[in-house]
Structure formats: C-alpha cells, structure tokens
N, C-alpha and C. Protein backbone atom coordinates (compact mmCIF):
# COMPACT_ATOMS: atom_id res chain seq x y z
N MET A 1 149.51 119.43 44.23
CA MET A 1 149.96 119.89 42.93
C MET A 1 151.40 120.44 43.03
N ARG A 2 151.56 121.20 44.10
CA ARG A 2 152.88 121.77 44.29
C ARG A 2 153.91 120.68 44.53
N SER A 3 153.56 119.65 45.28
CA SER A 3 154.50 118.57 45.56
C SER A 3 154.82 117.80 44.28
N GLN A 4 153.88 117.73 43.35
CA GLN A 4 154.16 117.05 42.08
C GLN A 4 155.20 117.83 41.27
N ARG A 5 155.08 119.13 41.31
CA ARG A 5 156.06 119.97 40.60
C ARG A 5 157.45 119.78 41.21
N VAL A 6 157.52 119.78 42.50
CA VAL A 6 158.80 119.60 43.19
C VAL A 6 159.38 118.24 42.84
N LEU A 7 158.54 117.19 42.87
CA LEU A 7 159.03 115.86 42.51
C LEU A 7 159.48 115.80 41.05
N ALA A 8 158.74 116.47 40.18
CA ALA A 8 159.11 116.50 38.76
C ALA A 8 160.45 117.21 38.57
N LEU A 9 160.65 118.33 39.26
CA LEU A 9 161.92 119.06 39.18
C LEU A 9 163.08 118.23 39.75
N LEU A 10 162.84 117.54 40.85
CA LEU A 10 163.88 116.70 41.42
C LEU A 10 164.24 115.55 40.48
N ALA A 11 163.20 114.94 39.87
CA ALA A 11 163.44 113.84 38.92
C ALA A 11 164.22 114.34 37.71
N ALA A 12 163.85 115.53 37.19
CA ALA A 12 164.55 116.10 36.04
C ALA A 12 166.01 116.41 36.41
N GLY A 13 166.21 116.94 37.60
CA GLY A 13 167.57 117.23 38.06
C GLY A 13 168.40 115.98 38.19
N ALA A 14 167.77 114.91 38.70
CA ALA A 14 168.49 113.64 38.83
C ALA A 14 168.87 113.08 37.46
N LEU A 15 167.96 113.19 36.51
CA LEU A 15 168.25 112.71 35.16
C LEU A 15 169.38 113.50 34.51
N LEU A 16 169.32 114.82 34.67
CA LEU A 16 170.37 115.66 34.08
C LEU A 16 171.72 115.40 34.73
N SER A 17 171.75 115.21 36.03
CA SER A 17 173.02 114.97 36.70
C SER A 17 173.60 113.62 36.31
N ALA A 18 172.76 112.68 35.92
CA ALA A 18 173.24 111.37 35.49
C ALA A 18 173.90 111.46 34.12
N CYS A 19 173.59 112.52 33.36
CA CYS A 19 174.16 112.68 32.02
C CYS A 19 175.58 113.23 32.06
N GLN A 20 175.98 113.81 33.14
CA GLN A 20 177.32 114.39 33.23
C GLN A 20 178.33 113.30 33.58
N THR A 21 179.51 113.43 32.99
CA THR A 21 180.55 112.45 33.24
C THR A 21 181.43 112.92 34.38
N ALA A 22 182.07 111.99 35.00
CA ALA A 22 182.98 112.32 36.09
C ALA A 22 184.42 112.44 35.58
N GLU A 23 184.63 112.26 34.27
CA GLU A 23 185.98 112.34 33.72
C GLU A 23 186.48 113.78 33.78
N PRO A 24 187.77 113.96 34.04
CA PRO A 24 188.31 115.31 34.07
C PRO A 24 188.30 115.92 32.66
N VAL A 25 188.25 117.21 32.61
CA VAL A 25 188.28 117.91 31.33
C VAL A 25 189.67 117.74 30.72
N ARG A 26 189.70 117.33 29.48
CA ARG A 26 190.98 117.13 28.79
C ARG A 26 191.46 118.47 28.24
N GLU A 27 192.67 118.86 28.64
CA GLU A 27 193.23 120.10 28.14
C GLU A 27 193.95 119.85 26.83
N LEU A 28 193.84 120.79 25.93
CA LEU A 28 194.52 120.68 24.65
C LEU A 28 196.00 120.98 24.84
N PRO A 29 196.85 120.29 24.09
CA PRO A 29 198.29 120.58 24.21
C PRO A 29 198.59 121.98 23.70
N ALA A 30 199.64 122.56 24.24
CA ALA A 30 200.06 123.88 23.80
C ALA A 30 200.52 123.79 22.35
N PRO A 31 200.24 124.79 21.55
CA PRO A 31 200.69 124.74 20.16
C PRO A 31 202.21 124.71 20.09
N ALA A 32 202.73 123.99 19.12
CA ALA A 32 204.18 123.90 18.95
C ALA A 32 204.71 125.26 18.54
N LYS A 33 205.86 125.61 19.09
CA LYS A 33 206.47 126.89 18.74
C LYS A 33 207.12 126.76 17.37
N ALA A 34 206.92 127.77 16.57
CA ALA A 34 207.54 127.79 15.24
C ALA A 34 209.04 127.98 15.41
N PRO A 35 209.83 127.39 14.52
CA PRO A 35 211.28 127.61 14.59
C PRO A 35 211.58 129.10 14.49
N THR A 36 212.62 129.49 15.16
CA THR A 36 213.01 130.90 15.16
C THR A 36 214.39 131.05 14.53
N VAL A 37 214.70 132.23 14.06
CA VAL A 37 216.00 132.50 13.45
C VAL A 37 217.02 132.87 14.53
N GLU A 38 216.56 133.14 15.74
CA GLU A 38 217.46 133.52 16.83
C GLU A 38 218.54 132.46 17.03
N GLY A 39 219.77 132.90 17.15
CA GLY A 39 220.87 131.97 17.41
C GLY A 39 222.03 132.20 16.46
N ALA A 40 222.95 131.27 16.48
CA ALA A 40 224.17 131.36 15.66
C ALA A 40 224.04 130.44 14.46
N TRP A 41 224.48 130.94 13.31
CA TRP A 41 224.41 130.22 12.03
C TRP A 41 225.77 130.30 11.35
N GLN A 42 226.14 129.24 10.65
CA GLN A 42 227.45 129.19 9.99
C GLN A 42 227.28 129.01 8.49
N ASP A 43 228.11 129.70 7.70
CA ASP A 43 228.07 129.53 6.25
C ASP A 43 229.13 128.53 5.81
N LYS A 44 229.25 128.30 4.50
CA LYS A 44 230.20 127.30 3.99
C LYS A 44 231.65 127.72 4.19
N ASN A 45 231.90 129.00 4.48
CA ASN A 45 233.26 129.49 4.72
C ASN A 45 233.59 129.54 6.22
N ALA A 46 232.74 128.95 7.04
CA ALA A 46 232.91 128.87 8.49
C ALA A 46 232.78 130.22 9.18
N LEU A 47 232.12 131.18 8.52
CA LEU A 47 231.82 132.45 9.17
C LEU A 47 230.55 132.26 9.99
N VAL A 48 230.47 132.86 11.16
CA VAL A 48 229.31 132.69 12.03
C VAL A 48 228.51 133.99 12.08
N SER A 49 227.24 133.87 11.75
CA SER A 49 226.31 135.00 11.83
C SER A 49 225.38 134.74 13.01
N THR A 50 225.20 135.77 13.84
CA THR A 50 224.35 135.65 15.01
C THR A 50 223.16 136.58 14.86
N PHE A 51 221.97 136.02 15.07
CA PHE A 51 220.72 136.77 15.06
C PHE A 51 220.22 136.80 16.50
N GLN A 52 220.08 137.99 17.06
CA GLN A 52 219.64 138.09 18.45
C GLN A 52 218.89 139.39 18.67
N GLY A 53 217.60 139.27 18.99
CA GLY A 53 216.80 140.43 19.35
C GLY A 53 216.77 141.52 18.30
N GLY A 54 216.75 141.15 17.01
CA GLY A 54 216.71 142.13 15.94
C GLY A 54 218.08 142.62 15.49
N GLN A 55 219.14 142.19 16.18
CA GLN A 55 220.51 142.58 15.82
C GLN A 55 221.20 141.43 15.09
N PHE A 56 222.02 141.76 14.11
CA PHE A 56 222.71 140.78 13.29
C PHE A 56 224.20 141.11 13.28
N VAL A 57 225.05 140.10 13.42
CA VAL A 57 226.50 140.29 13.33
C VAL A 57 227.14 139.05 12.74
N THR A 58 228.12 139.25 11.85
CA THR A 58 228.88 138.14 11.27
C THR A 58 230.33 138.29 11.69
N ARG A 59 230.92 137.17 12.15
CA ARG A 59 232.31 137.17 12.64
C ARG A 59 233.10 136.03 12.01
N THR A 60 234.41 136.20 12.07
CA THR A 60 235.30 135.11 11.65
C THR A 60 235.36 134.08 12.77
N THR A 61 235.81 132.89 12.43
CA THR A 61 235.97 131.84 13.45
C THR A 61 237.43 131.40 13.53
N ASP A 62 238.33 132.32 13.18
CA ASP A 62 239.76 132.01 13.16
C ASP A 62 240.45 132.26 14.49
N GLY A 63 239.67 132.53 15.54
CA GLY A 63 240.25 132.82 16.83
C GLY A 63 240.28 134.30 17.13
N TYR A 64 240.22 135.14 16.11
CA TYR A 64 240.20 136.58 16.31
C TYR A 64 238.78 137.11 16.46
N ASN A 65 237.80 136.36 15.96
CA ASN A 65 236.38 136.76 16.02
C ASN A 65 236.16 138.15 15.46
N ALA A 66 236.87 138.47 14.37
CA ALA A 66 236.74 139.78 13.74
C ALA A 66 235.33 139.98 13.20
N VAL A 67 234.78 141.17 13.40
CA VAL A 67 233.46 141.50 12.89
C VAL A 67 233.57 141.81 11.40
N LEU A 68 232.80 141.09 10.60
CA LEU A 68 232.79 141.31 9.16
C LEU A 68 231.58 142.13 8.71
N ALA A 69 230.49 142.02 9.46
CA ALA A 69 229.28 142.78 9.12
C ALA A 69 228.41 142.92 10.36
N THR A 70 227.70 144.04 10.43
CA THR A 70 226.73 144.25 11.50
C THR A 70 225.47 144.84 10.89
N GLY A 71 224.35 144.60 11.55
CA GLY A 71 223.11 145.16 11.04
C GLY A 71 221.93 144.75 11.88
N THR A 72 220.77 144.78 11.24
CA THR A 72 219.52 144.45 11.89
C THR A 72 218.74 143.46 11.03
N TYR A 73 217.72 142.85 11.63
CA TYR A 73 216.85 141.97 10.88
C TYR A 73 215.44 142.06 11.42
N THR A 74 214.50 141.74 10.56
CA THR A 74 213.10 141.64 10.95
C THR A 74 212.56 140.33 10.37
N VAL A 75 211.51 139.83 11.00
CA VAL A 75 210.84 138.63 10.51
C VAL A 75 209.38 139.01 10.29
N ASP A 76 208.90 138.86 9.04
CA ASP A 76 207.51 139.23 8.78
C ASP A 76 206.59 138.05 9.09
N PRO A 77 205.28 138.26 9.07
CA PRO A 77 204.35 137.19 9.45
C PRO A 77 204.45 135.92 8.59
N THR A 78 204.97 136.03 7.38
CA THR A 78 205.11 134.84 6.53
C THR A 78 206.38 134.06 6.85
N GLY A 79 207.24 134.62 7.73
CA GLY A 79 208.49 133.96 8.09
C GLY A 79 209.69 134.47 7.31
N LEU A 80 209.47 135.41 6.40
CA LEU A 80 210.58 135.98 5.64
C LEU A 80 211.46 136.81 6.57
N VAL A 81 212.76 136.51 6.57
CA VAL A 81 213.73 137.23 7.40
C VAL A 81 214.43 138.25 6.50
N GLN A 82 214.26 139.53 6.81
CA GLN A 82 214.88 140.59 6.03
C GLN A 82 216.05 141.14 6.82
N VAL A 83 217.25 141.01 6.25
CA VAL A 83 218.48 141.41 6.93
C VAL A 83 219.06 142.63 6.22
N SER A 84 219.38 143.66 6.97
CA SER A 84 220.07 144.85 6.47
C SER A 84 221.37 144.94 7.23
N PHE A 85 222.48 145.04 6.50
CA PHE A 85 223.76 145.05 7.19
C PHE A 85 224.77 145.90 6.45
N ILE A 86 225.84 146.25 7.15
CA ILE A 86 226.95 147.02 6.58
C ILE A 86 228.20 146.17 6.67
N SER A 87 228.89 146.05 5.56
CA SER A 87 230.14 145.30 5.50
C SER A 87 231.23 146.11 6.18
N ALA A 88 231.99 145.49 7.06
CA ALA A 88 233.09 146.17 7.73
C ALA A 88 234.21 146.50 6.74
N LYS A 89 234.33 145.69 5.70
CA LYS A 89 235.40 145.90 4.71
C LYS A 89 235.06 147.01 3.72
N THR A 90 233.88 146.94 3.12
CA THR A 90 233.52 147.91 2.08
C THR A 90 232.76 149.11 2.62
N LYS A 91 232.23 149.01 3.85
CA LYS A 91 231.41 150.07 4.47
C LYS A 91 230.14 150.34 3.67
N LYS A 92 229.72 149.37 2.84
CA LYS A 92 228.52 149.53 2.03
C LYS A 92 227.35 148.79 2.68
N SER A 93 226.19 149.41 2.56
CA SER A 93 224.96 148.81 3.08
C SER A 93 224.48 147.73 2.10
N GLN A 94 224.07 146.61 2.67
CA GLN A 94 223.58 145.50 1.85
C GLN A 94 222.33 144.93 2.49
N ARG A 95 221.58 144.16 1.71
CA ARG A 95 220.36 143.52 2.21
C ARG A 95 220.33 142.08 1.73
N ALA A 96 219.62 141.26 2.49
CA ALA A 96 219.39 139.87 2.09
C ALA A 96 218.02 139.46 2.62
N ASN A 97 217.34 138.63 1.86
CA ASN A 97 216.08 138.03 2.30
C ASN A 97 216.35 136.55 2.53
N CYS A 98 215.90 136.06 3.67
CA CYS A 98 216.15 134.68 4.04
C CYS A 98 214.84 133.99 4.44
N GLN A 99 214.83 132.69 4.29
CA GLN A 99 213.67 131.89 4.68
C GLN A 99 214.18 130.61 5.33
N LEU A 100 213.56 130.21 6.43
CA LEU A 100 213.92 128.95 7.07
C LEU A 100 213.47 127.80 6.18
N ALA A 101 214.42 127.02 5.67
CA ALA A 101 214.08 125.83 4.90
C ALA A 101 213.72 124.71 5.86
N THR A 102 214.48 124.62 6.94
CA THR A 102 214.22 123.71 8.05
C THR A 102 214.60 124.47 9.31
N ALA A 103 214.41 123.85 10.46
CA ALA A 103 214.81 124.51 11.71
C ALA A 103 216.32 124.71 11.78
N ALA A 104 217.07 123.98 10.95
CA ALA A 104 218.54 124.05 10.99
C ALA A 104 219.15 124.63 9.72
N GLN A 105 218.34 125.07 8.75
CA GLN A 105 218.89 125.63 7.51
C GLN A 105 218.14 126.89 7.12
N LEU A 106 218.91 127.95 6.88
CA LEU A 106 218.38 129.24 6.48
C LEU A 106 218.89 129.54 5.08
N ASN A 107 217.98 129.64 4.12
CA ASN A 107 218.36 129.93 2.73
C ASN A 107 218.17 131.42 2.47
N CYS A 108 219.19 132.05 1.87
CA CYS A 108 219.17 133.50 1.69
C CYS A 108 219.51 133.89 0.25
N THR A 109 219.02 135.06 -0.13
CA THR A 109 219.35 135.68 -1.41
C THR A 109 219.70 137.13 -1.12
N SER A 110 220.90 137.55 -1.54
CA SER A 110 221.33 138.93 -1.30
C SER A 110 220.66 139.85 -2.32
N ASP A 111 220.74 141.16 -2.07
CA ASP A 111 220.12 142.10 -3.00
C ASP A 111 220.80 142.08 -4.37
N SER A 112 222.01 141.53 -4.46
CA SER A 112 222.68 141.40 -5.75
C SER A 112 222.29 140.09 -6.46
N GLY A 113 221.49 139.24 -5.79
CA GLY A 113 221.03 138.00 -6.40
C GLY A 113 221.83 136.77 -6.00
N ALA A 114 222.91 136.96 -5.23
CA ALA A 114 223.72 135.82 -4.79
C ALA A 114 222.92 135.01 -3.78
N GLN A 115 222.97 133.69 -3.92
CA GLN A 115 222.26 132.80 -3.00
C GLN A 115 223.25 132.09 -2.10
N PHE A 116 222.88 131.92 -0.84
CA PHE A 116 223.73 131.21 0.11
C PHE A 116 222.86 130.61 1.20
N SER A 117 223.40 129.64 1.89
CA SER A 117 222.68 128.97 2.98
C SER A 117 223.50 129.05 4.25
N LEU A 118 222.79 129.12 5.36
CA LEU A 118 223.41 129.11 6.67
C LEU A 118 222.89 127.90 7.43
N THR A 119 223.76 127.28 8.22
CA THR A 119 223.39 126.11 9.02
C THR A 119 223.45 126.49 10.49
N ARG A 120 222.40 126.12 11.23
CA ARG A 120 222.33 126.48 12.65
C ARG A 120 223.48 125.84 13.43
N ARG A 121 224.10 126.62 14.31
CA ARG A 121 225.16 126.14 15.19
C ARG A 121 224.54 125.81 16.53
N ALA A 122 224.20 124.55 16.72
CA ALA A 122 223.59 124.12 17.98
C ALA A 122 224.58 124.22 19.14
N ASP A 123 225.87 124.18 18.83
CA ASP A 123 226.90 124.22 19.87
C ASP A 123 227.18 125.64 20.35
N MET A 124 226.53 126.64 19.75
CA MET A 124 226.79 128.02 20.11
C MET A 124 225.47 128.73 20.37
N PRO A 125 224.94 128.65 21.58
CA PRO A 125 223.68 129.32 21.88
C PRO A 125 223.83 130.83 21.76
N VAL A 126 222.71 131.51 21.65
CA VAL A 126 222.71 132.96 21.49
C VAL A 126 223.51 133.63 22.59
N ALA A 127 223.35 133.19 23.82
CA ALA A 127 224.04 133.81 24.96
C ALA A 127 225.55 133.71 24.84
N ALA A 128 226.06 132.71 24.10
CA ALA A 128 227.50 132.54 23.97
C ALA A 128 228.10 133.47 22.92
N ALA A 129 227.26 134.04 22.07
CA ALA A 129 227.77 134.94 21.05
C ALA A 129 228.33 136.19 21.72
N GLN A 130 229.44 136.67 21.17
CA GLN A 130 230.07 137.84 21.76
C GLN A 130 229.29 139.10 21.41
N PRO A 131 229.32 140.10 22.29
CA PRO A 131 228.64 141.36 21.98
C PRO A 131 229.30 142.04 20.79
N VAL A 132 228.51 142.84 20.10
CA VAL A 132 229.02 143.56 18.93
C VAL A 132 229.99 144.64 19.39
N GLN A 133 231.14 144.69 18.73
CA GLN A 133 232.12 145.73 19.00
C GLN A 133 232.12 146.70 17.82
N PRO A 134 232.59 147.91 18.02
CA PRO A 134 232.66 148.84 16.90
C PRO A 134 233.45 148.25 15.74
N MET A 135 233.02 148.57 14.52
CA MET A 135 233.72 148.04 13.35
C MET A 135 235.16 148.48 13.35
N GLY A 136 236.03 147.61 12.88
CA GLY A 136 237.44 147.91 12.81
C GLY A 136 238.21 147.42 14.02
N THR A 137 237.53 146.98 15.07
CA THR A 137 238.22 146.45 16.23
C THR A 137 238.28 144.93 16.11
N VAL A 138 239.31 144.37 16.65
CA VAL A 138 239.53 142.92 16.58
C VAL A 138 239.73 142.41 18.00
N THR A 139 239.06 141.33 18.31
CA THR A 139 239.25 140.67 19.60
C THR A 139 240.29 139.59 19.41
N PRO A 140 241.47 139.72 20.02
CA PRO A 140 242.50 138.71 19.83
C PRO A 140 242.11 137.41 20.53
N PRO A 141 242.65 136.27 20.05
CA PRO A 141 242.37 135.01 20.71
C PRO A 141 243.00 135.01 22.11
N ALA A 142 242.56 134.06 22.92
CA ALA A 142 243.06 133.96 24.29
C ALA A 142 244.58 133.82 24.31
N SER A 143 245.12 133.04 23.39
CA SER A 143 246.58 132.92 23.31
C SER A 143 246.96 132.70 21.85
N LEU A 144 248.03 133.32 21.46
CA LEU A 144 248.51 133.18 20.08
C LEU A 144 249.56 132.08 20.04
N PRO A 145 249.58 131.29 18.95
CA PRO A 145 250.61 130.27 18.83
C PRO A 145 251.98 130.92 18.67
N ASN A 146 253.01 130.26 19.19
CA ASN A 146 254.39 130.79 19.09
C ASN A 146 254.96 130.59 17.74
C-alpha cells in the first residue's frame, strides 16, 4: 500500500514537471521615462531659459549672457510646471504656469495672462548652462569685436 502511494506521488510529480516550460521568464521592458523640463529652452527672442534642479534662470544670447531673470520651479504630478521668478530689470516677482506640449515645446502663461512658448535647445545640455550669478552682473564674451 505504501509503495502504491509512493508510485502515485512519483507519477503525479512527473506529470506536474512535464507541465513546466523550459523557456526563460520574459522580463517586461522598463517603463518609458516621461519627458522632463530639465535643460535649456529658447523663446522667440532667442533668450535662453535653463531649468535645473528646481532653479530657473533666463539669459541673453548676445555673447554677454546677461541674467534677465532668476527663480525657482516645481513640477506637480499632473506635469504642470510652476515658475516663480524675479526680473533683473524691474526687480518684481512674477509667476508663470507651463505645460509640456511635446518633449521639445513648453507652452506657458504668465500671471498677467501673456502666453509664450519655449523650444528645447538640444545643443545646450543642462551641464553647459552657466551658473547663476548675482543680478546686475554681466559675463563679458570671450572676445569683443574691434
């Protein structure tokens, strides 16, 4: 009787082992990363705004790289980018809400209702952006024309 139980268990084990496949387990691909606002963006006037680690700065691209505005930004779970900044010219605090339209276009509305778009500068990675200098200082170009 005992040997019949052992044979039955061995037969059941053999049947169960035959049901398993030898194929490797297929791993799911990593989820795609959502586009980020981090990096350099340019407006229609060729001003470059850099978003990096919660810090925001806008500079001229005329060779002087003068700071026009500095501030901070946050991104909420819906993707809304809230920017708070101070104009170097007027010394007034301003705000803008922005949303990524595409990975390369950021559409914004200022607190006064003005709408503008920024285009990602792929040629200027975040690391290439210059550090923020105190307002009112100007970084001269490498060489001035004669």
